Amino acid sequence: MHQSSAEVPSADGRVIIHLDLDAFYAQVESRRLGIDPSTPLVVQQWRGIIAVNYAARAAGIKRHLTVDEAAKLCPGVVFVHVETIGDDEDDEDDERNTNET
């Protein structure tokens, strides 16, 4: 019986696991906000994209694009702006919210 590479143990017992935490972060926000997982969704911080769900990836959106570039690639994409922590004086922007650009 042939084993896949995921089933073959290494000689020293170590295993390498790859987790797609970028998509996971976007999926957590989608679930938290009750947004259908098939809806293209990105997590933004300032004007940059920091996480992308699989539906948005299928539309060509990638991390580090600007929100304007993402909106051109996929007009129906949902933008979730996340809290930034620091010396920002603007306390009104501290709450997480969704923005559609």
PDB file of N, CA and C in Angstrom:
ATOM      1  N   MET A   1       0.841  -1.172   0.000  1.00  0.00           N
ATOM      2  CA  MET A   1       0.000   0.000   0.000  1.00  0.00           C
ATOM      3  C   MET A   1       0.892   1.242   0.000  1.00  0.00           C
ATOM      4  N   HIS A   2       0.585   2.199  -0.873  1.00  0.00           N
ATOM      5  CA  HIS A   2       1.376   3.423  -0.985  1.00  0.00           C
ATOM      6  C   HIS A   2       0.896   4.454   0.023  1.00  0.00           C
ATOM      7  N   GLN A   3       1.815   5.049   0.767  1.00  0.00           N
ATOM      8  CA  GLN A   3       1.469   6.101   1.715  1.00  0.00           C
ATOM      9  C   GLN A   3       1.739   7.461   1.088  1.00  0.00           C
ATOM     10  N   SER A   4       0.875   8.437   1.387  1.00  0.00           N
ATOM     11  CA  SER A   4       1.148   9.798   0.919  1.00  0.00           C
ATOM     12  C   SER A   4       2.258  10.387   1.781  1.00  0.00           C
ATOM     13  N   SER A   5       2.829  11.489   1.324  1.00  0.00           N
ATOM     14  CA  SER A   5       3.919  12.107   2.082  1.00  0.00           C
ATOM     15  C   SER A   5       3.467  12.546   3.468  1.00  0.00           C
ATOM     16  N   ALA A   6       2.176  12.823   3.631  1.00  0.00           N
ATOM     17  CA  ALA A   6       1.665  13.240   4.940  1.00  0.00           C
ATOM     18  C   ALA A   6       1.616  12.077   5.919  1.00  0.00           C
ATOM     19  N   GLU A   7       1.605  10.852   5.399  1.00  0.00           N
ATOM     20  CA  GLU A   7       1.503   9.674   6.255  1.00  0.00           C
ATOM     21  C   GLU A   7       2.852   9.042   6.559  1.00  0.00           C
ATOM     22  N   VAL A   8       3.898   9.442   5.851  1.00  0.00           N
ATOM     23  CA  VAL A   8       5.206   8.828   6.018  1.00  0.00           C
ATOM     24  C   VAL A   8       5.953   9.543   7.145  1.00  0.00           C
ATOM     25  N   PRO A   9       6.207   8.861   8.239  1.00  0.00           N
ATOM     26  CA  PRO A   9       6.953   9.502   9.328  1.00  0.00           C
ATOM     27  C   PRO A   9       8.418   9.681   8.948  1.00  0.00           C
ATOM     28  N   SER A  10       9.026  10.721   9.477  1.00  0.00           N
ATOM     29  CA  SER A  10      10.451  10.921   9.220  1.00  0.00           C
ATOM     30  C   SER A  10      11.246   9.974  10.112  1.00  0.00           C
ATOM     31  N   ALA A  11      12.510   9.824   9.790  1.00  0.00           N
ATOM     32  CA  ALA A  11      13.366   8.903  10.533  1.00  0.00           C
ATOM     33  C   ALA A  11      13.501   9.310  12.003  1.00  0.00           C
ATOM     34  N   ASP A  12      13.458  10.625  12.267  1.00  0.00           N
ATOM     35  CA  ASP A  12      13.630  11.055  13.649  1.00  0.00           C
ATOM     36  C   ASP A  12      12.303  11.393  14.333  1.00  0.00           C
ATOM     37  N   GLY A  13      11.166  11.110  13.688  1.00  0.00           N
ATOM     38  CA  GLY A  13       9.866  11.317  14.312  1.00  0.00           C
ATOM     39  C   GLY A  13       9.295  12.715  14.163  1.00  0.00           C
ATOM     40  N   ARG A  14      10.030  13.618  13.509  1.00  0.00           N
ATOM     41  CA  ARG A  14       9.524  14.980  13.341  1.00  0.00           C
ATOM     42  C   ARG A  14       8.488  15.041  12.231  1.00  0.00           C
ATOM     43  N   VAL A  15       7.554  15.972  12.370  1.00  0.00           N
ATOM     44  CA  VAL A  15       6.520  16.188  11.366  1.00  0.00           C
ATOM     45  C   VAL A  15       6.445  17.685  11.088  1.00  0.00           C
ATOM     46  N   ILE A  16       6.292  18.037   9.826  1.00  0.00           N
ATOM     47  CA  ILE A  16       6.143  19.443   9.450  1.00  0.00           C
ATOM     48  C   ILE A  16       4.682  19.685   9.100  1.00  0.00           C
ATOM     49  N   ILE A  17       4.093  20.703   9.706  1.00  0.00           N
ATOM     50  CA  ILE A  17       2.701  21.057   9.452  1.00  0.00           C
ATOM     51  C   ILE A  17       2.662  22.482   8.919  1.00  0.00           C
ATOM     52  N   HIS A  18       1.951  22.666   7.821  1.00  0.00           N
ATOM     53  CA  HIS A  18       1.775  24.003   7.254  1.00  0.00           C
ATOM     54  C   HIS A  18       0.342  24.449   7.507  1.00  0.00           C
ATOM     55  N   LEU A  19       0.165  25.575   8.188  1.00  0.00           N
ATOM     56  CA  LEU A  19      -1.159  26.121   8.460  1.00  0.00           C
ATOM     57  C   LEU A  19      -1.333  27.423   7.689  1.00  0.00           C
ATOM     58  N   ASP A  20      -2.439  27.564   7.002  1.00  0.00           N
ATOM     59  CA  ASP A  20      -2.742  28.784   6.256  1.00  0.00           C
ATOM     60  C   ASP A  20      -3.458  29.748   7.195  1.00  0.00           C
ATOM     61  N   LEU A  21      -2.695  30.425   8.047  1.00  0.00           N
ATOM     62  CA  LEU A  21      -3.297  31.315   9.043  1.00  0.00           C
ATOM     63  C   LEU A  21      -3.826  32.599   8.427  1.00  0.00           C
ATOM     64  N   ASP A  22      -3.331  32.975   7.265  1.00  0.00           N
ATOM     65  CA  ASP A  22      -3.845  34.146   6.564  1.00  0.00           C
ATOM     66  C   ASP A  22      -5.325  33.936   6.248  1.00  0.00           C
ATOM     67  N   ALA A  23      -5.649  32.832   5.609  1.00  0.00           N
ATOM     68  CA  ALA A  23      -7.045  32.532   5.292  1.00  0.00           C
ATOM     69  C   ALA A  23      -7.840  32.282   6.573  1.00  0.00           C
ATOM     70  N   PHE A  24      -7.216  31.680   7.567  1.00  0.00           N
ATOM     71  CA  PHE A  24      -7.905  31.407   8.830  1.00  0.00           C
ATOM     72  C   PHE A  24      -8.377  32.708   9.472  1.00  0.00           C
ATOM     73  N   TYR A  25      -7.541  33.725   9.501  1.00  0.00           N
ATOM     74  CA  TYR A  25      -7.899  35.015  10.087  1.00  0.00           C
ATOM     75  C   TYR A  25      -9.118  35.597   9.375  1.00  0.00           C
ATOM     76  N   ALA A  26      -9.131  35.534   8.054  1.00  0.00           N
ATOM     77  CA  ALA A  26     -10.274  36.033   7.286  1.00  0.00           C
ATOM     78  C   ALA A  26     -11.518  35.196   7.575  1.00  0.00           C
ATOM     79  N   GLN A  27     -11.362  33.887   7.726  1.00  0.00           N
ATOM     80  CA  GLN A  27     -12.499  33.021   8.020  1.00  0.00           C
ATOM     81  C   GLN A  27     -13.058  33.290   9.412  1.00  0.00           C
ATOM     82  N   VAL A  28     -12.205  33.570  10.367  1.00  0.00           N
ATOM     83  CA  VAL A  28     -12.670  33.895  11.718  1.00  0.00           C
ATOM     84  C   VAL A  28     -13.510  35.177  11.687  1.00  0.00           C
ATOM     85  N   GLU A  29     -13.039  36.184  10.970  1.00  0.00           N
ATOM     86  CA  GLU A  29     -13.791  37.427  10.863  1.00  0.00           C
ATOM     87  C   GLU A  29     -15.119  37.208  10.145  1.00  0.00           C
ATOM     88  N   SER A  30     -15.125  36.372   9.121  1.00  0.00           N
ATOM     89  CA  SER A  30     -16.351  36.052   8.393  1.00  0.00           C
ATOM     90  C   SER A  30     -17.373  35.412   9.324  1.00  0.00           C
ATOM     91  N   ARG A  31     -16.915  34.468  10.106  1.00  0.00           N
ATOM     92  CA  ARG A  31     -17.820  33.785  11.046  1.00  0.00           C
ATOM     93  C   ARG A  31     -18.283  34.737  12.144  1.00  0.00           C
ATOM     94  N   ARG A  32     -17.385  35.536  12.672  1.00  0.00           N
ATOM     95  CA  ARG A  32     -17.721  36.475  13.747  1.00  0.00           C
ATOM     96  C   ARG A  32     -18.800  37.450  13.309  1.00  0.00           C
ATOM     97  N   LEU A  33     -18.744  37.850  12.044  1.00  0.00           N
ATOM     98  CA  LEU A  33     -19.686  38.838  11.529  1.00  0.00           C
ATOM     99  C   LEU A  33     -20.896  38.211  10.834  1.00  0.00           C
ATOM    100  N   GLY A  34     -20.935  36.888  10.760  1.00  0.00           N
ATOM    101  CA  GLY A  34     -22.062  36.209  10.139  1.00  0.00           C
ATOM    102  C   GLY A  34     -22.119  36.368   8.628  1.00  0.00           C
ATOM    103  N   ILE A  35     -20.955  36.467   7.991  1.00  0.00           N
ATOM    104  CA  ILE A  35     -20.870  36.624   6.546  1.00  0.00           C
ATOM    105  C   ILE A  35     -20.659  35.255   5.913  1.00  0.00           C
ATOM    106  N   ASP A  36     -21.437  34.960   4.883  1.00  0.00           N
ATOM    107  CA  ASP A  36     -21.348  33.684   4.179  1.00  0.00           C
ATOM    108  C   ASP A  36     -19.905  33.431   3.724  1.00  0.00           C
ATOM    109  N   PRO A  37     -19.363  32.238   4.001  1.00  0.00           N
ATOM    110  CA  PRO A  37     -17.979  31.941   3.616  1.00  0.00           C
ATOM    111  C   PRO A  37     -17.711  32.028   2.113  1.00  0.00           C
ATOM    112  N   SER A  38     -18.745  31.928   1.288  1.00  0.00           N
ATOM    113  CA  SER A  38     -18.545  32.024  -0.152  1.00  0.00           C
ATOM    114  C   SER A  38     -18.445  33.473  -0.629  1.00  0.00           C
ATOM    115  N   THR A  39     -18.666  34.417   0.273  1.00  0.00           N
ATOM    116  CA  THR A  39     -18.542  35.837  -0.051  1.00  0.00           C
ATOM    117  C   THR A  39     -17.077  36.245   0.009  1.00  0.00           C
ATOM    118  N   PRO A  40     -16.556  36.875  -1.036  1.00  0.00           N
ATOM    119  CA  PRO A  40     -15.162  37.351  -0.983  1.00  0.00           C
ATOM    120  C   PRO A  40     -14.989  38.352   0.171  1.00  0.00           C
ATOM    121  N   LEU A  41     -14.010  38.095   1.026  1.00  0.00           N
ATOM    122  CA  LEU A  41     -13.784  38.922   2.207  1.00  0.00           C
ATOM    123  C   LEU A  41     -12.297  39.116   2.419  1.00  0.00           C
ATOM    124  N   VAL A  42     -11.913  40.337   2.747  1.00  0.00           N
ATOM    125  CA  VAL A  42     -10.530  40.627   3.104  1.00  0.00           C
ATOM    126  C   VAL A  42     -10.504  41.373   4.422  1.00  0.00           C
ATOM    127  N   VAL A  43      -9.419  41.182   5.140  1.00  0.00           N
ATOM    128  CA  VAL A  43      -9.191  41.924   6.376  1.00  0.00           C
ATOM    129  C   VAL A  43      -8.200  43.024   6.040  1.00  0.00           C
ATOM    130  N   GLN A  44      -8.579  44.243   6.365  1.00  0.00           N
ATOM    131  CA  GLN A  44      -7.706  45.363   6.058  1.00  0.00           C
ATOM    132  C   GLN A  44      -7.235  46.044   7.330  1.00  0.00           C
ATOM    133  N   GLN A  45      -6.067  46.652   7.235  1.00  0.00           N
ATOM    134  CA  GLN A  45      -5.529  47.496   8.288  1.00  0.00           C
ATOM    135  C   GLN A  45      -5.000  48.722   7.574  1.00  0.00           C
ATOM    136  N   TRP A  46      -5.530  49.865   7.942  1.00  0.00           N
ATOM    137  CA  TRP A  46      -5.308  51.101   7.194  1.00  0.00           C
ATOM    138  C   TRP A  46      -5.829  50.903   5.778  1.00  0.00           C
ATOM    139  N   ARG A  47      -5.035  51.094   4.760  1.00  0.00           N
ATOM    140  CA  ARG A  47      -5.483  50.917   3.370  1.00  0.00           C
ATOM    141  C   ARG A  47      -4.897  49.657   2.737  1.00  0.00           C
ATOM    142  N   GLY A  48      -4.261  48.815   3.547  1.00  0.00           N
ATOM    143  CA  GLY A  48      -3.659  47.591   3.033  1.00  0.00           C
ATOM    144  C   GLY A  48      -4.418  46.357   3.456  1.00  0.00           C
ATOM    145  N   ILE A  49      -4.255  45.296   2.701  1.00  0.00           N
ATOM    146  CA  ILE A  49      -4.929  44.031   2.975  1.00  0.00           C
ATOM    147  C   ILE A  49      -3.960  43.107   3.695  1.00  0.00           C
ATOM    148  N   ILE A  50      -4.414  42.553   4.831  1.00  0.00           N
ATOM    149  CA  ILE A  50      -3.537  41.697   5.621  1.00  0.00           C
ATOM    150  C   ILE A  50      -3.999  40.238   5.662  1.00  0.00           C
ATOM    151  N   ALA A  51      -5.241  39.957   5.245  1.00  0.00           N
ATOM    152  CA  ALA A  51      -5.733  38.573   5.200  1.00  0.00           C
ATOM    153  C   ALA A  51      -6.814  38.476   4.131  1.00  0.00           C
ATOM    154  N   VAL A  52      -6.867  37.320   3.475  1.00  0.00           N
ATOM    155  CA  VAL A  52      -7.759  37.124   2.333  1.00  0.00           C
ATOM    156  C   VAL A  52      -8.409  35.743   2.448  1.00  0.00           C
ATOM    157  N   ASN A  53      -9.737  35.673   2.308  1.00  0.00           N
ATOM    158  CA  ASN A  53     -10.366  34.354   2.321  1.00  0.00           C
ATOM    159  C   ASN A  53     -10.246  33.699   0.948  1.00  0.00           C
ATOM    160  N   TYR A  54     -10.644  32.432   0.861  1.00  0.00           N
ATOM    161  CA  TYR A  54     -10.453  31.690  -0.386  1.00  0.00           C
ATOM    162  C   TYR A  54     -11.304  32.244  -1.525  1.00  0.00           C
ATOM    163  N   ALA A  55     -12.507  32.732  -1.225  1.00  0.00           N
ATOM    164  CA  ALA A  55     -13.364  33.302  -2.271  1.00  0.00           C
ATOM    165  C   ALA A  55     -12.726  34.557  -2.877  1.00  0.00           C
ATOM    166  N   ALA A  56     -12.092  35.369  -2.047  1.00  0.00           N
ATOM    167  CA  ALA A  56     -11.415  36.569  -2.549  1.00  0.00           C
ATOM    168  C   ALA A  56     -10.151  36.186  -3.324  1.00  0.00           C
ATOM    169  N   ARG A  57      -9.460  35.155  -2.878  1.00  0.00           N
ATOM    170  CA  ARG A  57      -8.276  34.688  -3.618  1.00  0.00           C
ATOM    171  C   ARG A  57      -8.658  34.236  -5.024  1.00  0.00           C
ATOM    172  N   ALA A  58      -9.813  33.563  -5.125  1.00  0.00           N
ATOM    173  CA  ALA A  58     -10.278  33.090  -6.432  1.00  0.00           C
ATOM    174  C   ALA A  58     -10.545  34.259  -7.377  1.00  0.00           C
ATOM    175  N   ALA A  59     -10.839  35.429  -6.816  1.00  0.00           N
ATOM    176  CA  ALA A  59     -11.078  36.631  -7.626  1.00  0.00           C
ATOM    177  C   ALA A  59      -9.779  37.369  -7.942  1.00  0.00           C
ATOM    178  N   GLY A  60      -8.645  36.851  -7.473  1.00  0.00           N
ATOM    179  CA  GLY A  60      -7.352  37.460  -7.778  1.00  0.00           C
ATOM    180  C   GLY A  60      -6.807  38.394  -6.712  1.00  0.00           C
ATOM    181  N   ILE A  61      -7.483  38.470  -5.580  1.00  0.00           N
ATOM    182  CA  ILE A  61      -7.027  39.364  -4.504  1.00  0.00           C
ATOM    183  C   ILE A  61      -5.954  38.658  -3.691  1.00  0.00           C
ATOM    184  N   LYS A  62      -4.891  39.398  -3.377  1.00  0.00           N
ATOM    185  CA  LYS A  62      -3.785  38.870  -2.578  1.00  0.00           C
ATOM    186  C   LYS A  62      -3.442  39.853  -1.474  1.00  0.00           C
ATOM    187  N   ARG A  63      -2.759  39.349  -0.464  1.00  0.00           N
ATOM    188  CA  ARG A  63      -2.285  40.227   0.607  1.00  0.00           C
ATOM    189  C   ARG A  63      -1.401  41.314   0.028  1.00  0.00           C
ATOM    190  N   HIS A  64      -1.370  42.412   0.712  1.00  0.00           N
ATOM    191  CA  HIS A  64      -0.525  43.564   0.404  1.00  0.00           C
ATOM    192  C   HIS A  64      -1.018  44.389  -0.786  1.00  0.00           C
ATOM    193  N   LEU A  65      -2.152  44.008  -1.378  1.00  0.00           N
ATOM    194  CA  LEU A  65      -2.781  44.917  -2.331  1.00  0.00           C
ATOM    195  C   LEU A  65      -3.421  46.041  -1.528  1.00  0.00           C
ATOM    196  N   THR A  66      -3.718  47.140  -2.180  1.00  0.00           N
ATOM    197  CA  THR A  66      -4.492  48.188  -1.503  1.00  0.00           C
ATOM    198  C   THR A  66      -5.968  47.835  -1.604  1.00  0.00           C
ATOM    199  N   VAL A  67      -6.783  48.451  -0.772  1.00  0.00           N
ATOM    200  CA  VAL A  67      -8.215  48.189  -0.842  1.00  0.00           C
ATOM    201  C   VAL A  67      -8.782  48.645  -2.182  1.00  0.00           C
ATOM    202  N   ASP A  68      -8.231  49.696  -2.758  1.00  0.00           N
ATOM    203  CA  ASP A  68      -8.688  50.160  -4.072  1.00  0.00           C
ATOM    204  C   ASP A  68      -8.403  49.124  -5.155  1.00  0.00           C
ATOM    205  N   GLU A  69      -7.220  48.530  -5.115  1.00  0.00           N
ATOM    206  CA  GLU A  69      -6.876  47.487  -6.092  1.00  0.00           C
ATOM    207  C   GLU A  69      -7.792  46.281  -5.937  1.00  0.00           C
ATOM    208  N   ALA A  70      -8.070  45.900  -4.700  1.00  0.00           N
ATOM    209  CA  ALA A  70      -8.942  44.746  -4.442  1.00  0.00           C
ATOM    210  C   ALA A  70     -10.366  45.019  -4.922  1.00  0.00           C
ATOM    211  N   ALA A  71     -10.858  46.224  -4.688  1.00  0.00           N
ATOM    212  CA  ALA A  71     -12.218  46.579  -5.110  1.00  0.00           C
ATOM    213  C   ALA A  71     -12.349  46.549  -6.631  1.00  0.00           C
ATOM    214  N   LYS A  72     -11.284  46.900  -7.334  1.00  0.00           N
ATOM    215  CA  LYS A  72     -11.310  46.842  -8.806  1.00  0.00           C
ATOM    216  C   LYS A  72     -11.334  45.383  -9.285  1.00  0.00           C
ATOM    217  N   LEU A  73     -10.592  44.515  -8.600  1.00  0.00           N
ATOM    218  CA  LEU A  73     -10.559  43.102  -8.985  1.00  0.00           C
ATOM    219  C   LEU A  73     -11.872  42.394  -8.687  1.00  0.00           C
ATOM    220  N   CYS A  74     -12.529  42.784  -7.596  1.00  0.00           N
ATOM    221  CA  CYS A  74     -13.751  42.104  -7.147  1.00  0.00           C
ATOM    222  C   CYS A  74     -14.689  43.137  -6.521  1.00  0.00           C
ATOM    223  N   PRO A  75     -15.560  43.743  -7.331  1.00  0.00           N
ATOM    224  CA  PRO A  75     -16.434  44.810  -6.820  1.00  0.00           C
ATOM    225  C   PRO A  75     -17.310  44.423  -5.626  1.00  0.00           C
ATOM    226  N   GLY A  76     -17.633  43.149  -5.432  1.00  0.00           N
ATOM    227  CA  GLY A  76     -18.480  42.740  -4.318  1.00  0.00           C
ATOM    228  C   GLY A  76     -17.742  42.329  -3.063  1.00  0.00           C
ATOM    229  N   VAL A  77     -16.443  42.529  -3.021  1.00  0.00           N
ATOM    230  CA  VAL A  77     -15.651  42.098  -1.861  1.00  0.00           C
ATOM    231  C   VAL A  77     -16.059  42.875  -0.610  1.00  0.00           C
ATOM    232  N   VAL A  78     -16.067  42.172   0.515  1.00  0.00           N
ATOM    233  CA  VAL A  78     -16.358  42.789   1.811  1.00  0.00           C
ATOM    234  C   VAL A  78     -15.035  43.076   2.503  1.00  0.00           C
ATOM    235  N   PHE A  79     -14.875  44.311   2.966  1.00  0.00           N
ATOM    236  CA  PHE A  79     -13.666  44.708   3.683  1.00  0.00           C
ATOM    237  C   PHE A  79     -13.976  44.762   5.172  1.00  0.00           C
ATOM    238  N   VAL A  80     -13.157  44.079   5.958  1.00  0.00           N
ATOM    239  CA  VAL A  80     -13.277  44.117   7.416  1.00  0.00           C
ATOM    240  C   VAL A  80     -12.063  44.861   7.935  1.00  0.00           C
ATOM    241  N   HIS A  81     -12.307  46.019   8.541  1.00  0.00           N
ATOM    242  CA  HIS A  81     -11.200  46.813   9.078  1.00  0.00           C
ATOM    243  C   HIS A  81     -10.970  46.408  10.526  1.00  0.00           C
ATOM    244  N   VAL A  82      -9.754  46.046  10.853  1.00  0.00           N
ATOM    245  CA  VAL A  82      -9.457  45.586  12.207  1.00  0.00           C
ATOM    246  C   VAL A  82      -8.804  46.687  13.021  1.00  0.00           C
ATOM    247  N   GLU A  83      -8.914  46.503  14.291  1.00  0.00           N
ATOM    248  CA  GLU A  83      -8.379  47.461  15.254  1.00  0.00           C
ATOM    249  C   GLU A  83      -6.869  47.600  15.100  1.00  0.00           C
ATOM    250  N   THR A  84      -6.410  48.815  15.236  1.00  0.00           N
ATOM    251  CA  THR A  84      -4.978  49.065  15.303  1.00  0.00           C
ATOM    252  C   THR A  84      -4.669  49.571  16.702  1.00  0.00           C
ATOM    253  N   ILE A  85      -3.571  49.130  17.238  1.00  0.00           N
ATOM    254  CA  ILE A  85      -3.201  49.502  18.604  1.00  0.00           C
ATOM    255  C   ILE A  85      -1.926  50.318  18.542  1.00  0.00           C
ATOM    256  N   GLY A  86      -1.928  51.436  19.223  1.00  0.00           N
ATOM    257  CA  GLY A  86      -0.740  52.274  19.215  1.00  0.00           C
ATOM    258  C   GLY A  86      -1.050  53.638  19.781  1.00  0.00           C
ATOM    259  N   ASP A  87      -0.315  54.641  19.336  1.00  0.00           N
ATOM    260  CA  ASP A  87      -0.446  55.992  19.847  1.00  0.00           C
ATOM    261  C   ASP A  87      -1.482  56.819  19.107  1.00  0.00           C
ATOM    262  N   ASP A  88      -2.360  56.154  18.345  1.00  0.00           N
ATOM    263  CA  ASP A  88      -3.374  56.862  17.571  1.00  0.00           C
ATOM    264  C   ASP A  88      -4.338  57.578  18.517  1.00  0.00           C
ATOM    265  N   GLU A  89      -4.548  58.851  18.287  1.00  0.00           N
ATOM    266  CA  GLU A  89      -5.434  59.659  19.120  1.00  0.00           C
ATOM    267  C   GLU A  89      -6.902  59.410  18.803  1.00  0.00           C
ATOM    268  N   ASP A  90      -7.222  58.825  17.655  1.00  0.00           N
ATOM    269  CA  ASP A  90      -8.594  58.656  17.203  1.00  0.00           C
ATOM    270  C   ASP A  90      -9.205  57.400  17.814  1.00  0.00           C
ATOM    271  N   ASP A  91      -9.885  57.534  18.963  1.00  0.00           N
ATOM    272  CA  ASP A  91     -10.477  56.397  19.656  1.00  0.00           C
ATOM    273  C   ASP A  91     -11.697  55.853  18.930  1.00  0.00           C
ATOM    274  N   GLU A  92     -12.322  56.626  18.048  1.00  0.00           N
ATOM    275  CA  GLU A  92     -13.507  56.160  17.335  1.00  0.00           C
ATOM    276  C   GLU A  92     -13.165  55.034  16.374  1.00  0.00           C
ATOM    277  N   ASP A  93     -11.930  54.926  15.926  1.00  0.00           N
ATOM    278  CA  ASP A  93     -11.530  53.911  14.966  1.00  0.00           C
ATOM    279  C   ASP A  93     -11.054  52.631  15.643  1.00  0.00           C
ATOM    280  N   ASP A  94     -11.170  52.571  16.982  1.00  0.00           N
ATOM    281  CA  ASP A  94     -10.685  51.403  17.710  1.00  0.00           C
ATOM    282  C   ASP A  94     -11.610  50.196  17.606  1.00  0.00           C
ATOM    283  N   GLU A  95     -12.886  50.378  17.296  1.00  0.00           N
ATOM    284  CA  GLU A  95     -13.806  49.272  17.164  1.00  0.00           C
ATOM    285  C   GLU A  95     -13.642  48.608  15.811  1.00  0.00           C
ATOM    286  N   ARG A  96     -13.744  47.282  15.777  1.00  0.00           N
ATOM    287  CA  ARG A  96     -13.709  46.587  14.500  1.00  0.00           C
ATOM    288  C   ARG A  96     -15.019  46.879  13.787  1.00  0.00           C
ATOM    289  N   ASN A  97     -14.938  47.080  12.500  1.00  0.00           N
ATOM    290  CA  ASN A  97     -16.156  47.316  11.727  1.00  0.00           C
ATOM    291  C   ASN A  97     -15.943  46.836  10.304  1.00  0.00           C
ATOM    292  N   THR A  98     -17.039  46.698   9.587  1.00  0.00           N
ATOM    293  CA  THR A  98     -16.931  46.313   8.184  1.00  0.00           C
ATOM    294  C   THR A  98     -17.116  47.548   7.343  1.00  0.00           C
ATOM    295  N   ASN A  99     -16.333  47.624   6.288  1.00  0.00           N
ATOM    296  CA  ASN A  99     -16.416  48.737   5.347  1.00  0.00           C
ATOM    297  C   ASN A  99     -16.492  48.158   3.953  1.00  0.00           C
ATOM    298  N   GLU A 100     -17.376  48.659   3.154  1.00  0.00           N
ATOM    299  CA  GLU A 100     -17.398  48.287   1.746  1.00  0.00           C
ATOM    300  C   GLU A 100     -16.930  49.477   0.969  1.00  0.00           C
ATOM    301  N   THR A 101     -15.898  49.269   0.168  1.00  0.00           N
ATOM    302  CA  THR A 101     -15.320  50.354  -0.605  1.00  0.00           C
ATOM    303  C   THR A 101     -15.857  50.318  -2.009  1.00  0.00           C
TER     304      THR A 101
END
